[in-house]
C-alpha cells in the first residue's frame, strides 16, 4: 500500500529533525538564513517606503512650483513676450 502525503511529509520532517540533531551547525545555518531573509525583507520594505515618501514629496513640490510659476507672468504679458520674439504673429 502506498503511503499518503501526510506520511511522506512526516517522514521528511523526521529525517530533517534527525539531521539537525546530529549536526547542530546545520541547524544554526538554517536559523541564520531564515533570520537573514527576514532582515532583508524588512530592510527592503523600509527602503521602498522611504522611496515612496520621497516621490510623494517630490511630486508635491513640483506641483507647488508649477502653480507658483503659472501665476508669475500674466497671460497678456506672456503673449506680448511671444509676439516680441516672433513665435506668434503680431495682431494687425
PDB file of N, CA and C in Angstrom:
ATOM      1  N   UNK A   1       0.833  -1.170   0.000  1.00  0.00           N
ATOM      2  CA  UNK A   1       0.000   0.000   0.000  1.00  0.00           C
ATOM      3  C   UNK A   1       0.886   1.245   0.000  1.00  0.00           C
ATOM      4  N   UNK A   2       0.548   2.215  -0.840  1.00  0.00           N
ATOM      5  CA  UNK A   2       1.356   3.427  -0.945  1.00  0.00           C
ATOM      6  C   UNK A   2       1.031   4.377   0.204  1.00  0.00           C
ATOM      7  N   UNK A   3       2.097   4.969   0.791  1.00  0.00           N
ATOM      8  CA  UNK A   3       1.831   5.937   1.862  1.00  0.00           C
ATOM      9  C   UNK A   3       1.243   7.226   1.275  1.00  0.00           C
ATOM     10  N   UNK A   4       0.412   7.888   2.059  1.00  0.00           N
ATOM     11  CA  UNK A   4      -0.215   9.129   1.615  1.00  0.00           C
ATOM     12  C   UNK A   4       0.716  10.311   1.800  1.00  0.00           C
ATOM     13  N   UNK A   5       0.270  11.475   1.371  1.00  0.00           N
ATOM     14  CA  UNK A   5       1.108  12.666   1.502  1.00  0.00           C
ATOM     15  C   UNK A   5       1.451  12.997   2.949  1.00  0.00           C
ATOM     16  N   UNK A   6       0.524  12.739   3.861  1.00  0.00           N
ATOM     17  CA  UNK A   6       0.793  13.056   5.265  1.00  0.00           C
ATOM     18  C   UNK A   6       1.948  12.211   5.802  1.00  0.00           C
ATOM     19  N   UNK A   7       1.963  10.935   5.445  1.00  0.00           N
ATOM     20  CA  UNK A   7       3.056  10.072   5.917  1.00  0.00           C
ATOM     21  C   UNK A   7       4.390  10.483   5.302  1.00  0.00           C
ATOM     22  N   UNK A   8       4.366  10.878   4.028  1.00  0.00           N
ATOM     23  CA  UNK A   8       5.605  11.308   3.359  1.00  0.00           C
ATOM     24  C   UNK A   8       6.154  12.581   4.002  1.00  0.00           C
ATOM     25  N   UNK A   9       5.264  13.508   4.296  1.00  0.00           N
ATOM     26  CA  UNK A   9       5.703  14.752   4.956  1.00  0.00           C
ATOM     27  C   UNK A   9       6.235  14.434   6.338  1.00  0.00           C
ATOM     28  N   UNK A  10       5.577  13.535   7.034  1.00  0.00           N
ATOM     29  CA  UNK A  10       6.046  13.136   8.368  1.00  0.00           C
ATOM     30  C   UNK A  10       7.424  12.502   8.319  1.00  0.00           C
ATOM     31  N   UNK A  11       7.651  11.638   7.338  1.00  0.00           N
ATOM     32  CA  UNK A  11       8.973  11.011   7.187  1.00  0.00           C
ATOM     33  C   UNK A  11      10.046  12.056   6.873  1.00  0.00           C
ATOM     34  N   UNK A  12       9.702  12.977   5.979  1.00  0.00           N
ATOM     35  CA  UNK A  12      10.670  14.018   5.616  1.00  0.00           C
ATOM     36  C   UNK A  12      10.981  14.898   6.812  1.00  0.00           C
ATOM     37  N   UNK A  13       9.970  15.237   7.602  1.00  0.00           N
ATOM     38  CA  UNK A  13      10.195  16.064   8.787  1.00  0.00           C
ATOM     39  C   UNK A  13      11.043  15.323   9.805  1.00  0.00           C
ATOM     40  N   UNK A  14      10.789  14.026   9.995  1.00  0.00           N
ATOM     41  CA  UNK A  14      11.605  13.242  10.939  1.00  0.00           C
ATOM     42  C   UNK A  14      13.049  13.167  10.472  1.00  0.00           C
ATOM     43  N   UNK A  15      13.255  12.936   9.189  1.00  0.00           N
ATOM     44  CA  UNK A  15      14.616  12.884   8.655  1.00  0.00           C
ATOM     45  C   UNK A  15      15.322  14.219   8.851  1.00  0.00           C
ATOM     46  N   UNK A  16      14.620  15.313   8.570  1.00  0.00           N
ATOM     47  CA  UNK A  16      15.200  16.651   8.748  1.00  0.00           C
ATOM     48  C   UNK A  16      15.575  16.878  10.209  1.00  0.00           C
ATOM     49  N   UNK A  17      14.693  16.522  11.123  1.00  0.00           N
ATOM     50  CA  UNK A  17      14.981  16.730  12.540  1.00  0.00           C
ATOM     51  C   UNK A  17      16.142  15.850  13.011  1.00  0.00           C
ATOM     52  N   UNK A  18      16.246  14.641  12.493  1.00  0.00           N
ATOM     53  CA  UNK A  18      17.379  13.771  12.855  1.00  0.00           C
ATOM     54  C   UNK A  18      18.702  14.372  12.391  1.00  0.00           C
ATOM     55  N   UNK A  19      18.720  14.911  11.190  1.00  0.00           N
ATOM     56  CA  UNK A  19      19.934  15.551  10.676  1.00  0.00           C
ATOM     57  C   UNK A  19      20.273  16.765  11.527  1.00  0.00           C
ATOM     58  N   UNK A  20      19.273  17.559  11.884  1.00  0.00           N
ATOM     59  CA  UNK A  20      19.523  18.755  12.695  1.00  0.00           C
ATOM     60  C   UNK A  20      20.036  18.394  14.094  1.00  0.00           C
ATOM     61  N   UNK A  21      19.566  17.279  14.649  1.00  0.00           N
ATOM     62  CA  UNK A  21      20.049  16.850  15.972  1.00  0.00           C
ATOM     63  C   UNK A  21      21.502  16.385  15.895  1.00  0.00           C
ATOM     64  N   UNK A  22      21.835  15.692  14.830  1.00  0.00           N
ATOM     65  CA  UNK A  22      23.194  15.151  14.734  1.00  0.00           C
ATOM     66  C   UNK A  22      24.207  16.214  14.309  1.00  0.00           C
ATOM     67  N   UNK A  23      23.772  17.278  13.641  1.00  0.00           N
ATOM     68  CA  UNK A  23      24.677  18.337  13.193  1.00  0.00           C
ATOM     69  C   UNK A  23      24.102  19.692  13.575  1.00  0.00           C
ATOM     70  N   UNK A  24      24.398  20.172  14.776  1.00  0.00           N
ATOM     71  CA  UNK A  24      23.813  21.437  15.231  1.00  0.00           C
ATOM     72  C   UNK A  24      24.268  22.649  14.404  1.00  0.00           C
ATOM     73  N   UNK A  25      25.429  22.533  13.772  1.00  0.00           N
ATOM     74  CA  UNK A  25      25.876  23.665  12.950  1.00  0.00           C
ATOM     75  C   UNK A  25      24.949  23.858  11.758  1.00  0.00           C
ATOM     76  N   UNK A  26      24.390  22.783  11.238  1.00  0.00           N
ATOM     77  CA  UNK A  26      23.435  22.891  10.137  1.00  0.00           C
ATOM     78  C   UNK A  26      22.171  23.596  10.610  1.00  0.00           C
ATOM     79  N   UNK A  27      21.724  23.297  11.827  1.00  0.00           N
ATOM     80  CA  UNK A  27      20.562  23.976  12.386  1.00  0.00           C
ATOM     81  C   UNK A  27      20.849  25.468  12.553  1.00  0.00           C
ATOM     82  N   UNK A  28      22.046  25.783  13.031  1.00  0.00           N
ATOM     83  CA  UNK A  28      22.414  27.186  13.192  1.00  0.00           C
ATOM     84  C   UNK A  28      22.423  27.896  11.836  1.00  0.00           C
ATOM     85  N   UNK A  29      22.912  27.232  10.804  1.00  0.00           N
ATOM     86  CA  UNK A  29      22.922  27.841   9.467  1.00  0.00           C
ATOM     87  C   UNK A  29      21.511  28.058   8.941  1.00  0.00           C
ATOM     88  N   UNK A  30      20.634  27.105   9.173  1.00  0.00           N
ATOM     89  CA  UNK A  30      19.240  27.260   8.734  1.00  0.00           C
ATOM     90  C   UNK A  30      18.600  28.444   9.456  1.00  0.00           C
ATOM     91  N   UNK A  31      18.809  28.525  10.759  1.00  0.00           N
ATOM     92  CA  UNK A  31      18.232  29.627  11.540  1.00  0.00           C
ATOM     93  C   UNK A  31      18.799  30.967  11.067  1.00  0.00           C
ATOM     94  N   UNK A  32      20.098  31.025  10.847  1.00  0.00           N
ATOM     95  CA  UNK A  32      20.716  32.275  10.391  1.00  0.00           C
ATOM     96  C   UNK A  32      20.205  32.678   9.005  1.00  0.00           C
ATOM     97  N   UNK A  33      20.015  31.708   8.121  1.00  0.00           N
ATOM     98  CA  UNK A  33      19.480  32.020   6.795  1.00  0.00           C
ATOM     99  C   UNK A  33      18.062  32.560   6.876  1.00  0.00           C
ATOM    100  N   UNK A  34      17.250  31.970   7.743  1.00  0.00           N
ATOM    101  CA  UNK A  34      15.880  32.460   7.904  1.00  0.00           C
ATOM    102  C   UNK A  34      15.893  33.875   8.479  1.00  0.00           C
ATOM    103  N   UNK A  35      16.738  34.110   9.485  1.00  0.00           N
ATOM    104  CA  UNK A  35      16.846  35.454  10.052  1.00  0.00           C
ATOM    105  C   UNK A  35      17.363  36.462   9.029  1.00  0.00           C
ATOM    106  N   UNK A  36      18.325  36.051   8.213  1.00  0.00           N
ATOM    107  CA  UNK A  36      18.851  36.935   7.182  1.00  0.00           C
ATOM    108  C   UNK A  36      17.776  37.293   6.158  1.00  0.00           C
ATOM    109  N   UNK A  37      17.005  36.308   5.734  1.00  0.00           N
ATOM    110  CA  UNK A  37      15.910  36.586   4.796  1.00  0.00           C
ATOM    111  C   UNK A  37      14.882  37.533   5.408  1.00  0.00           C
ATOM    112  N   UNK A  38      14.578  37.335   6.685  1.00  0.00           N
ATOM    113  CA  UNK A  38      13.649  38.231   7.369  1.00  0.00           C
ATOM    114  C   UNK A  38      14.186  39.652   7.430  1.00  0.00           C
ATOM    115  N   UNK A  39      15.472  39.794   7.771  1.00  0.00           N
ATOM    116  CA  UNK A  39      16.075  41.129   7.833  1.00  0.00           C
ATOM    117  C   UNK A  39      16.085  41.784   6.454  1.00  0.00           C
ATOM    118  N   UNK A  40      16.451  41.037   5.425  1.00  0.00           N
ATOM    119  CA  UNK A  40      16.488  41.611   4.082  1.00  0.00           C
ATOM    120  C   UNK A  40      15.096  42.056   3.629  1.00  0.00           C
ATOM    121  N   UNK A  41      14.083  41.272   3.936  1.00  0.00           N
ATOM    122  CA  UNK A  41      12.718  41.657   3.597  1.00  0.00           C
ATOM    123  C   UNK A  41      12.327  42.938   4.322  1.00  0.00           C
ATOM    124  N   UNK A  42      12.608  43.004   5.632  1.00  0.00           N
ATOM    125  CA  UNK A  42      12.268  44.183   6.424  1.00  0.00           C
ATOM    126  C   UNK A  42      13.011  45.415   5.904  1.00  0.00           C
ATOM    127  N   UNK A  43      14.299  45.250   5.604  1.00  0.00           N
ATOM    128  CA  UNK A  43      15.107  46.363   5.112  1.00  0.00           C
ATOM    129  C   UNK A  43      14.588  46.861   3.762  1.00  0.00           C
ATOM    130  N   UNK A  44      14.219  45.948   2.883  1.00  0.00           N
ATOM    131  CA  UNK A  44      13.703  46.329   1.571  1.00  0.00           C
ATOM    132  C   UNK A  44      12.367  47.066   1.706  1.00  0.00           C
ATOM    133  N   UNK A  45      11.545  46.637   2.647  1.00  0.00           N
ATOM    134  CA  UNK A  45      10.267  47.330   2.864  1.00  0.00           C
ATOM    135  C   UNK A  45      10.514  48.755   3.351  1.00  0.00           C
ATOM    136  N   UNK A  46      11.464  48.938   4.244  1.00  0.00           N
ATOM    137  CA  UNK A  46      11.795  50.290   4.722  1.00  0.00           C
ATOM    138  C   UNK A  46      12.317  51.151   3.575  1.00  0.00           C
ATOM    139  N   UNK A  47      13.135  50.575   2.699  1.00  0.00           N
ATOM    140  CA  UNK A  47      13.669  51.300   1.553  1.00  0.00           C
ATOM    141  C   UNK A  47      12.548  51.702   0.600  1.00  0.00           C
ATOM    142  N   UNK A  48      11.632  50.782   0.336  1.00  0.00           N
ATOM    143  CA  UNK A  48      10.515  51.082  -0.564  1.00  0.00           C
ATOM    144  C   UNK A  48       9.634  52.180   0.034  1.00  0.00           C
ATOM    145  N   UNK A  49       9.384  52.115   1.334  1.00  0.00           N
ATOM    146  CA  UNK A  49       8.576  53.145   1.979  1.00  0.00           C
ATOM    147  C   UNK A  49       9.262  54.514   1.905  1.00  0.00           C
ATOM    148  N   UNK A  50      10.579  54.536   2.107  1.00  0.00           N
ATOM    149  CA  UNK A  50      11.313  55.800   2.036  1.00  0.00           C
ATOM    150  C   UNK A  50      11.287  56.366   0.617  1.00  0.00           C
ATOM    151  N   UNK A  51      11.455  55.516  -0.380  1.00  0.00           N
ATOM    152  CA  UNK A  51      11.404  55.989  -1.777  1.00  0.00           C
ATOM    153  C   UNK A  51      10.014  56.503  -2.140  1.00  0.00           C
ATOM    154  N   UNK A  52       8.972  55.818  -1.665  1.00  0.00           N
ATOM    155  CA  UNK A  52       7.606  56.254  -1.933  1.00  0.00           C
ATOM    156  C   UNK A  52       7.353  57.621  -1.290  1.00  0.00           C
ATOM    157  N   UNK A  53       7.819  57.786  -0.048  1.00  0.00           N
ATOM    158  CA  UNK A  53       7.660  59.065   0.642  1.00  0.00           C
ATOM    159  C   UNK A  53       8.409  60.168  -0.100  1.00  0.00           C
ATOM    160  N   UNK A  54       9.628  59.870  -0.551  1.00  0.00           N
ATOM    161  CA  UNK A  54      10.410  60.850  -1.302  1.00  0.00           C
ATOM    162  C   UNK A  54       9.711  61.235  -2.601  1.00  0.00           C
ATOM    163  N   UNK A  55       9.165  60.254  -3.318  1.00  0.00           N
ATOM    164  CA  UNK A  55       8.484  60.536  -4.584  1.00  0.00           C
ATOM    165  C   UNK A  55       7.244  61.397  -4.349  1.00  0.00           C
ATOM    166  N   UNK A  56       6.489  61.105  -3.291  1.00  0.00           N
ATOM    167  CA  UNK A  56       5.305  61.908  -2.988  1.00  0.00           C
ATOM    168  C   UNK A  56       5.683  63.352  -2.673  1.00  0.00           C
ATOM    169  N   UNK A  57       6.739  63.523  -1.886  1.00  0.00           N
ATOM    170  CA  UNK A  57       7.187  64.884  -1.557  1.00  0.00           C
ATOM    171  C   UNK A  57       7.708  65.604  -2.794  1.00  0.00           C
ATOM    172  N   UNK A  58       8.416  64.892  -3.662  1.00  0.00           N
ATOM    173  CA  UNK A  58       8.935  65.499  -4.879  1.00  0.00           C
ATOM    174  C   UNK A  58       7.803  65.955  -5.799  1.00  0.00           C
ATOM    175  N   UNK A  59       6.791  65.107  -5.973  1.00  0.00           N
ATOM    176  CA  UNK A  59       5.659  65.487  -6.821  1.00  0.00           C
ATOM    177  C   UNK A  59       4.881  66.653  -6.224  1.00  0.00           C
ATOM    178  N   UNK A  60       4.733  66.672  -4.904  1.00  0.00           N
ATOM    179  CA  UNK A  60       4.044  67.788  -4.255  1.00  0.00           C
ATOM    180  C   UNK A  60       4.828  69.085  -4.457  1.00  0.00           C
ATOM    181  N   UNK A  61       6.146  69.016  -4.340  1.00  0.00           N
ATOM    182  CA  UNK A  61       6.972  70.200  -4.543  1.00  0.00           C
ATOM    183  C   UNK A  61       6.883  70.683  -5.993  1.00  0.00           C
ATOM    184  N   UNK A  62       6.926  69.767  -6.936  1.00  0.00           N
ATOM    185  CA  UNK A  62       6.830  70.155  -8.344  1.00  0.00           C
ATOM    186  C   UNK A  62       5.470  70.769  -8.657  1.00  0.00           C
ATOM    187  N   UNK A  63       4.423  70.227  -8.081  1.00  0.00           N
ATOM    188  CA  UNK A  63       3.083  70.786  -8.287  1.00  0.00           C
ATOM    189  C   UNK A  63       3.014  72.201  -7.727  1.00  0.00           C
ATOM    190  N   UNK A  64       3.571  72.391  -6.548  1.00  0.00           N
ATOM    191  CA  UNK A  64       3.569  73.725  -5.939  1.00  0.00           C
ATOM    192  C   UNK A  64       4.387  74.712  -6.776  1.00  0.00           C
ATOM    193  N   UNK A  65       5.557  74.293  -7.224  1.00  0.00           N
ATOM    194  CA  UNK A  65       6.385  75.172  -8.052  1.00  0.00           C
ATOM    195  C   UNK A  65       5.686  75.509  -9.366  1.00  0.00           C
ATOM    196  N   UNK A  66       5.017  74.531  -9.952  1.00  0.00           N
ATOM    197  CA  UNK A  66       4.302  74.771 -11.205  1.00  0.00           C
ATOM    198  C   UNK A  66       3.188  75.775 -11.007  1.00  0.00           C
ATOM    199  N   UNK A  67       2.473  75.662  -9.904  1.00  0.00           N
ATOM    200  CA  UNK A  67       1.396  76.623  -9.656  1.00  0.00           C
ATOM    201  C   UNK A  67       1.954  78.023  -9.384  1.00  0.00           C
ATOM    202  N   UNK A  68       3.094  78.111  -8.718  1.00  0.00           N
ATOM    203  CA  UNK A  68       3.709  79.422  -8.497  1.00  0.00           C
ATOM    204  C   UNK A  68       4.176  80.036  -9.820  1.00  0.00           C
ATOM    205  N   UNK A  69       4.812  79.224 -10.660  1.00  0.00           N
ATOM    206  CA  UNK A  69       5.302  79.729 -11.930  1.00  0.00           C
ATOM    207  C   UNK A  69       4.163  80.094 -12.881  1.00  0.00           C
ATOM    208  N   UNK A  70       3.051  79.408 -12.766  1.00  0.00           N
ATOM    209  CA  UNK A  70       1.917  79.706 -13.630  1.00  0.00           C
ATOM    210  C   UNK A  70       1.345  81.086 -13.336  1.00  0.00           C
ATOM    211  N   UNK A  71       1.496  81.560 -12.119  1.00  0.00           N
ATOM    212  CA  UNK A  71       0.973  82.873 -11.748  1.00  0.00           C
ATOM    213  C   UNK A  71       2.057  83.949 -11.726  1.00  0.00           C
ATOM    214  N   UNK A  72       3.246  83.594 -12.141  1.00  0.00           N
ATOM    215  CA  UNK A  72       4.361  84.534 -12.104  1.00  0.00           C
ATOM    216  C   UNK A  72       4.241  85.580 -13.210  1.00  0.00           C
ATOM    217  N   UNK A  73       3.861  85.164 -14.386  1.00  0.00           N
ATOM    218  CA  UNK A  73       3.708  86.076 -15.524  1.00  0.00           C
ATOM    219  C   UNK A  73       2.242  86.059 -15.945  1.00  0.00           C
ATOM    220  N   UNK A  74       1.670  87.235 -16.103  1.00  0.00           N
ATOM    221  CA  UNK A  74       0.283  87.302 -16.558  1.00  0.00           C
ATOM    222  C   UNK A  74       0.187  86.800 -17.998  1.00  0.00           C
ATOM    223  N   UNK A  75      -0.922  86.190 -18.356  1.00  0.00           N
ATOM    224  CA  UNK A  75      -1.060  85.659 -19.714  1.00  0.00           C
ATOM    225  C   UNK A  75      -0.911  86.737 -20.795  1.00  0.00           C
ATOM    226  N   UNK A  76      -1.399  87.942 -20.510  1.00  0.00           N
ATOM    227  CA  UNK A  76      -1.270  89.021 -21.502  1.00  0.00           C
ATOM    228  C   UNK A  76       0.197  89.378 -21.731  1.00  0.00           C
ATOM    229  N   UNK A  77       0.959  89.431 -20.642  1.00  0.00           N
ATOM    230  CA  UNK A  77       2.380  89.740 -20.770  1.00  0.00           C
ATOM    231  C   UNK A  77       3.123  88.604 -21.488  1.00  0.00           C
ATOM    232  N   UNK A  78       2.715  87.380 -21.244  1.00  0.00           N
ATOM    233  CA  UNK A  78       3.351  86.241 -21.898  1.00  0.00           C
ATOM    234  C   UNK A  78       3.101  86.283 -23.402  1.00  0.00           C
ATOM    235  N   UNK A  79       1.900  86.637 -23.788  1.00  0.00           N
ATOM    236  CA  UNK A  79       1.578  86.757 -25.218  1.00  0.00           C
ATOM    237  C   UNK A  79       2.421  87.859 -25.851  1.00  0.00           C
ATOM    238  N   UNK A  80       2.617  88.980 -25.137  1.00  0.00           N
ATOM    239  CA  UNK A  80       3.446  90.070 -25.659  1.00  0.00           C
ATOM    240  C   UNK A  80       4.899  89.611 -25.830  1.00  0.00           C
ATOM    241  N   UNK A  81       5.400  88.826 -24.884  1.00  0.00           N
ATOM    242  CA  UNK A  81       6.774  88.315 -24.984  1.00  0.00           C
ATOM    243  C   UNK A  81       6.908  87.407 -26.197  1.00  0.00           C
ATOM    244  N   UNK A  82       5.932  86.520 -26.404  1.00  0.00           N
ATOM    245  CA  UNK A  82       5.977  85.618 -27.551  1.00  0.00           C
ATOM    246  C   UNK A  82       5.863  86.383 -28.869  1.00  0.00           C
ATOM    247  N   UNK A  83       5.055  87.426 -28.884  1.00  0.00           N
ATOM    248  CA  UNK A  83       4.935  88.240 -30.089  1.00  0.00           C
ATOM    249  C   UNK A  83       6.237  88.989 -30.363  1.00  0.00           C
ATOM    250  N   UNK A  84       6.892  89.489 -29.328  1.00  0.00           N
ATOM    251  CA  UNK A  84       8.142  90.213 -29.499  1.00  0.00           C
ATOM    252  C   UNK A  84       9.249  89.287 -30.020  1.00  0.00           C
ATOM    253  N   UNK A  85       9.208  88.021 -29.659  1.00  0.00           N
ATOM    254  CA  UNK A  85      10.209  87.073 -30.131  1.00  0.00           C
ATOM    255  C   UNK A  85       9.856  86.485 -31.490  1.00  0.00           C
ATOM    256  N   UNK A  86       8.688  86.787 -31.999  1.00  0.00           N
ATOM    257  CA  UNK A  86       8.271  86.308 -33.298  1.00  0.00           C
ATOM    258  C   UNK A  86       7.761  84.873 -33.287  1.00  0.00           C
ATOM    259  N   UNK A  87       7.470  84.360 -32.129  1.00  0.00           N
ATOM    260  CA  UNK A  87       6.954  82.997 -32.028  1.00  0.00           C
ATOM    261  C   UNK A  87       5.498  82.938 -32.482  1.00  0.00           C
ATOM    262  N   UNK A  88       4.736  83.947 -32.106  1.00  0.00           N
ATOM    263  CA  UNK A  88       3.343  84.041 -32.586  1.00  0.00           C
ATOM    264  C   UNK A  88       3.235  85.377 -33.341  1.00  0.00           C
ATOM    265  N   UNK A  89       2.346  85.455 -34.328  1.00  0.00           N
ATOM    266  CA  UNK A  89       2.260  86.674 -35.129  1.00  0.00           C
ATOM    267  C   UNK A  89       1.669  87.850 -34.346  1.00  0.00           C
ATOM    268  N   UNK A  90       2.069  89.035 -34.744  1.00  0.00           N
ATOM    269  CA  UNK A  90       1.554  90.265 -34.156  1.00  0.00           C
ATOM    270  C   UNK A  90       0.119  90.498 -34.631  1.00  0.00           C
ATOM    271  N   UNK A  91      -0.731  91.044 -33.781  1.00  0.00           N
ATOM    272  CA  UNK A  91      -2.097  91.372 -34.231  1.00  0.00           C
ATOM    273  C   UNK A  91      -2.042  92.550 -35.200  1.00  0.00           C
ATOM    274  N   UNK A  92      -2.964  92.571 -36.123  1.00  0.00           N
ATOM    275  CA  UNK A  92      -2.975  93.645 -37.122  1.00  0.00           C
ATOM    276  C   UNK A  92      -3.874  94.764 -36.745  1.00  0.00           C
TER     277      UNK A  92
END
